[in-house]
Amino acid sequence: MPCGMMPYPEARPLEIGFDAADFSTTLLDLSSDAWKPAAEQALADAQEIGMPLAVGHLPFVKGGGSQPDAFWEEFHRKMLHAIEASAILRVEYAVLHTNTGTLVMKDYRAAEQLEWVLRHIEPFAEHAAKLGVKLVVENMPVVPGARV
């Protein structure tokens, strides 16, 4: 099965206590046209094993927001594809990490981080709304001294 999805050999996920699953859109090749058929296949596979997909995780940037313009242009395109994939997968929520395209998390400052996140998701909010996907920001713990 594509995207690392494995069928359960004997029991359906709902029968053993799972009510839904997350799907990371980063498992898709968001840089090429291959992402769309792969998302459609992932949905078919999830339906085959009886596992609804509730949440789609969107791409994020490691190392903070200091990247060249060409990187951001490609990242923007990947985000649009990931949001479209989330719609294909019928997820209700597309999740961004608090450092999605933003600051490193070593010296986390909540107000500054919120401003960065809101500025970052603004270009995608209308696109997501048109597709019926809600953008949410994941609450992530901060480990002192960590760089994500």
C-alpha atoms as a PDB file:
ATOM      1  CA  MET A   1       0.000   0.000   0.000  1.00  0.00           C
ATOM      2  CA  PRO A   2       1.303   3.509  -0.724  1.00  0.00           C
ATOM      3  CA  CYS A   3       2.382   6.060   1.867  1.00  0.00           C
ATOM      4  CA  GLY A   4       3.328   3.443   4.446  1.00  0.00           C
ATOM      5  CA  MET A   5      -0.275   2.479   5.238  1.00  0.00           C
ATOM      6  CA  MET A   6      -0.567  -1.114   6.371  1.00  0.00           C
ATOM      7  CA  PRO A   7      -3.794  -3.131   6.440  1.00  0.00           C
ATOM      8  CA  TYR A   8      -4.737  -4.762   9.721  1.00  0.00           C
ATOM      9  CA  PRO A   9      -4.585  -8.538   9.192  1.00  0.00           C
ATOM     10  CA  GLU A  10      -7.480  -9.660  11.391  1.00  0.00           C
ATOM     11  CA  ALA A  11      -9.414  -6.774  12.894  1.00  0.00           C
ATOM     12  CA  ARG A  12     -10.651  -3.508  11.507  1.00  0.00           C
ATOM     13  CA  PRO A  13      -9.181  -0.455  13.288  1.00  0.00           C
ATOM     14  CA  LEU A  14     -12.590   0.649  14.545  1.00  0.00           C
ATOM     15  CA  GLU A  15     -13.089  -2.778  16.118  1.00  0.00           C
ATOM     16  CA  ILE A  16      -9.870  -2.539  18.141  1.00  0.00           C
ATOM     17  CA  GLY A  17     -10.428   0.938  19.520  1.00  0.00           C
ATOM     18  CA  PHE A  18      -9.255   3.408  16.883  1.00  0.00           C
ATOM     19  CA  ASP A  19     -11.837   5.937  15.729  1.00  0.00           C
ATOM     20  CA  ALA A  20      -9.690   7.841  13.216  1.00  0.00           C
ATOM     21  CA  ALA A  21      -6.106   8.404  12.089  1.00  0.00           C
ATOM     22  CA  ASP A  22      -3.764  11.271  11.309  1.00  0.00           C
ATOM     23  CA  PHE A  23      -2.207  11.472   7.862  1.00  0.00           C
ATOM     24  CA  SER A  24       1.015  13.336   7.210  1.00  0.00           C
ATOM     25  CA  THR A  25       0.854  15.017   3.829  1.00  0.00           C
ATOM     26  CA  THR A  26       4.664  15.030   3.897  1.00  0.00           C
ATOM     27  CA  LEU A  27       4.425  11.338   2.931  1.00  0.00           C
ATOM     28  CA  LEU A  28       3.245  12.565  -0.477  1.00  0.00           C
ATOM     29  CA  ASP A  29       5.592  13.911  -3.154  1.00  0.00           C
ATOM     30  CA  LEU A  30       4.268  17.467  -2.944  1.00  0.00           C
ATOM     31  CA  SER A  31       6.921  18.705  -5.407  1.00  0.00           C
ATOM     32  CA  SER A  32       5.474  16.850  -8.372  1.00  0.00           C
ATOM     33  CA  ASP A  33       2.101  15.944  -9.832  1.00  0.00           C
ATOM     34  CA  ALA A  34       2.347  12.523  -8.136  1.00  0.00           C
ATOM     35  CA  TRP A  35       0.805  13.844  -4.892  1.00  0.00           C
ATOM     36  CA  LYS A  36      -2.783  13.857  -6.149  1.00  0.00           C
ATOM     37  CA  PRO A  37      -3.105  10.204  -7.250  1.00  0.00           C
ATOM     38  CA  ALA A  38      -1.181   9.163  -4.130  1.00  0.00           C
ATOM     39  CA  ALA A  39      -3.646  11.077  -1.921  1.00  0.00           C
ATOM     40  CA  GLU A  40      -6.570   9.477  -3.744  1.00  0.00           C
ATOM     41  CA  GLN A  41      -5.002   6.030  -3.237  1.00  0.00           C
ATOM     42  CA  ALA A  42      -4.333   6.751   0.449  1.00  0.00           C
ATOM     43  CA  LEU A  43      -8.006   7.633   0.905  1.00  0.00           C
ATOM     44  CA  ALA A  44      -9.071   4.431  -0.869  1.00  0.00           C
ATOM     45  CA  ASP A  45      -6.678   2.418   1.316  1.00  0.00           C
ATOM     46  CA  ALA A  46      -7.988   4.041   4.501  1.00  0.00           C
ATOM     47  CA  GLN A  47     -11.553   3.333   3.435  1.00  0.00           C
ATOM     48  CA  GLU A  48     -10.652  -0.264   2.607  1.00  0.00           C
ATOM     49  CA  ILE A  49      -9.397  -0.895   6.148  1.00  0.00           C
ATOM     50  CA  GLY A  50     -12.230   1.094   7.696  1.00  0.00           C
ATOM     51  CA  MET A  51     -10.107   3.925   9.073  1.00  0.00           C
ATOM     52  CA  PRO A  52     -11.403   7.473   8.690  1.00  0.00           C
ATOM     53  CA  LEU A  53      -8.707  10.131   8.383  1.00  0.00           C
ATOM     54  CA  ALA A  54      -9.458  13.007  10.757  1.00  0.00           C
ATOM     55  CA  VAL A  55      -6.328  15.147  10.624  1.00  0.00           C
ATOM     56  CA  GLY A  56      -3.813  15.990   7.918  1.00  0.00           C
ATOM     57  CA  HIS A  57      -0.393  17.236   9.003  1.00  0.00           C
ATOM     58  CA  LEU A  58       1.035  19.925   6.726  1.00  0.00           C
ATOM     59  CA  PRO A  59       4.702  20.494   5.835  1.00  0.00           C
ATOM     60  CA  PHE A  60       6.899  22.488   8.168  1.00  0.00           C
ATOM     61  CA  VAL A  61      10.336  24.062   7.995  1.00  0.00           C
ATOM     62  CA  LYS A  62      13.209  22.974  10.169  1.00  0.00           C
ATOM     63  CA  GLY A  63      15.671  25.620  11.251  1.00  0.00           C
ATOM     64  CA  GLY A  64      13.432  28.666  11.291  1.00  0.00           C
ATOM     65  CA  GLY A  65      12.392  31.184   8.705  1.00  0.00           C
ATOM     66  CA  SER A  66      15.781  32.200   7.310  1.00  0.00           C
ATOM     67  CA  GLN A  67      15.574  30.504   3.917  1.00  0.00           C
ATOM     68  CA  PRO A  68      16.170  31.877   0.390  1.00  0.00           C
ATOM     69  CA  ASP A  69      13.213  33.200  -1.636  1.00  0.00           C
ATOM     70  CA  ALA A  70      13.279  30.200  -4.011  1.00  0.00           C
ATOM     71  CA  PHE A  71      12.801  27.913  -1.018  1.00  0.00           C
ATOM     72  CA  TRP A  72       9.720  29.866   0.116  1.00  0.00           C
ATOM     73  CA  GLU A  73       8.200  29.792  -3.372  1.00  0.00           C
ATOM     74  CA  GLU A  74       8.506  25.996  -3.451  1.00  0.00           C
ATOM     75  CA  PHE A  75       7.285  25.708   0.143  1.00  0.00           C
ATOM     76  CA  HIS A  76       4.211  27.810  -0.720  1.00  0.00           C
ATOM     77  CA  ARG A  77       3.413  25.468  -3.615  1.00  0.00           C
ATOM     78  CA  LYS A  78       3.851  22.411  -1.357  1.00  0.00           C
ATOM     79  CA  MET A  79       1.527  23.937   1.241  1.00  0.00           C
ATOM     80  CA  LEU A  80      -1.190  24.519  -1.371  1.00  0.00           C
ATOM     81  CA  HIS A  81      -0.813  20.921  -2.567  1.00  0.00           C
ATOM     82  CA  ALA A  82      -0.888  19.639   1.040  1.00  0.00           C
ATOM     83  CA  ILE A  83      -4.107  21.545   1.742  1.00  0.00           C
ATOM     84  CA  GLU A  84      -5.645  20.161  -1.464  1.00  0.00           C
ATOM     85  CA  ALA A  85      -4.489  16.670  -0.443  1.00  0.00           C
ATOM     86  CA  SER A  86      -6.155  17.192   2.941  1.00  0.00           C
ATOM     87  CA  ALA A  87      -9.413  17.927   1.120  1.00  0.00           C
ATOM     88  CA  ILE A  88      -9.029  14.815  -1.045  1.00  0.00           C
ATOM     89  CA  LEU A  89      -8.359  12.775   2.113  1.00  0.00           C
ATOM     90  CA  ARG A  90     -11.560  14.237   3.601  1.00  0.00           C
ATOM     91  CA  VAL A  91      -9.850  15.383   6.753  1.00  0.00           C
ATOM     92  CA  GLU A  92     -11.566  18.063   8.768  1.00  0.00           C
ATOM     93  CA  TYR A  93      -8.389  19.676  10.116  1.00  0.00           C
ATOM     94  CA  ALA A  94      -5.043  20.425   8.513  1.00  0.00           C
ATOM     95  CA  VAL A  95      -2.440  20.877  11.240  1.00  0.00           C
ATOM     96  CA  LEU A  96       0.483  23.267  11.211  1.00  0.00           C
ATOM     97  CA  HIS A  97       3.247  23.039  13.761  1.00  0.00           C
ATOM     98  CA  THR A  98       4.016  26.197  15.691  1.00  0.00           C
ATOM     99  CA  ASN A  99       7.326  26.476  13.827  1.00  0.00           C
ATOM    100  CA  THR A 100       5.843  25.972  10.359  1.00  0.00           C
ATOM    101  CA  GLY A 101       7.900  28.362   8.313  1.00  0.00           C
ATOM    102  CA  THR A 102       8.695  30.398  11.365  1.00  0.00           C
ATOM    103  CA  LEU A 103      11.163  30.831  14.164  1.00  0.00           C
ATOM    104  CA  VAL A 104      13.429  28.270  15.726  1.00  0.00           C
ATOM    105  CA  MET A 105      12.000  27.071  19.009  1.00  0.00           C
ATOM    106  CA  LYS A 106      15.083  27.403  21.211  1.00  0.00           C
ATOM    107  CA  ASP A 107      13.940  30.711  22.707  1.00  0.00           C
ATOM    108  CA  TYR A 108      10.195  30.308  22.395  1.00  0.00           C
ATOM    109  CA  ARG A 109       8.240  33.519  22.949  1.00  0.00           C
ATOM    110  CA  ALA A 110       4.512  32.863  22.690  1.00  0.00           C
ATOM    111  CA  ALA A 111       3.364  36.280  21.433  1.00  0.00           C
ATOM    112  CA  GLU A 112       6.089  36.468  18.788  1.00  0.00           C
ATOM    113  CA  GLN A 113       5.460  32.871  17.721  1.00  0.00           C
ATOM    114  CA  LEU A 114       1.709  33.483  17.410  1.00  0.00           C
ATOM    115  CA  GLU A 115       2.354  36.528  15.224  1.00  0.00           C
ATOM    116  CA  TRP A 116       4.663  34.484  12.954  1.00  0.00           C
ATOM    117  CA  VAL A 117       2.201  31.601  12.707  1.00  0.00           C
ATOM    118  CA  LEU A 118      -0.749  33.854  11.876  1.00  0.00           C
ATOM    119  CA  ARG A 119       1.307  35.690   9.252  1.00  0.00           C
ATOM    120  CA  HIS A 120       2.418  32.376   7.785  1.00  0.00           C
ATOM    121  CA  ILE A 121      -1.018  30.740   7.524  1.00  0.00           C
ATOM    122  CA  GLU A 122      -2.809  33.823   6.215  1.00  0.00           C
ATOM    123  CA  PRO A 123      -2.026  33.116   2.532  1.00  0.00           C
ATOM    124  CA  PHE A 124      -3.428  29.601   2.914  1.00  0.00           C
ATOM    125  CA  ALA A 125      -6.557  30.305   4.965  1.00  0.00           C
ATOM    126  CA  GLU A 126      -8.805  31.289   2.042  1.00  0.00           C
ATOM    127  CA  HIS A 127      -7.594  28.345  -0.061  1.00  0.00           C
ATOM    128  CA  ALA A 128      -8.310  25.928   2.802  1.00  0.00           C
ATOM    129  CA  ALA A 129     -11.738  27.459   3.464  1.00  0.00           C
ATOM    130  CA  LYS A 130     -12.748  27.069  -0.199  1.00  0.00           C
ATOM    131  CA  LEU A 131     -11.861  23.374   0.078  1.00  0.00           C
ATOM    132  CA  GLY A 132     -13.655  22.876   3.390  1.00  0.00           C
ATOM    133  CA  VAL A 133     -10.450  22.274   5.350  1.00  0.00           C
ATOM    134  CA  LYS A 134      -9.925  23.961   8.719  1.00  0.00           C
ATOM    135  CA  LEU A 135      -6.377  25.085   9.522  1.00  0.00           C
ATOM    136  CA  VAL A 136      -5.291  24.540  13.113  1.00  0.00           C
ATOM    137  CA  VAL A 137      -1.999  25.047  14.948  1.00  0.00           C
ATOM    138  CA  GLU A 138      -0.700  22.149  17.002  1.00  0.00           C
ATOM    139  CA  ASN A 139       0.172  22.798  20.612  1.00  0.00           C
ATOM    140  CA  MET A 140       3.778  21.674  20.891  1.00  0.00           C
ATOM    141  CA  PRO A 141       5.890  21.504  24.026  1.00  0.00           C
ATOM    142  CA  VAL A 142       9.171  23.379  23.990  1.00  0.00           C
ATOM    143  CA  VAL A 143      12.316  21.675  25.173  1.00  0.00           C
ATOM    144  CA  PRO A 144      14.871  24.203  26.483  1.00  0.00           C
ATOM    145  CA  GLY A 145      17.871  24.337  24.154  1.00  0.00           C
ATOM    146  CA  ALA A 146      16.169  22.344  21.377  1.00  0.00           C
ATOM    147  CA  ARG A 147      16.289  23.364  17.747  1.00  0.00           C
ATOM    148  CA  VAL A 148      13.530  22.026  15.573  1.00  0.00           C
END
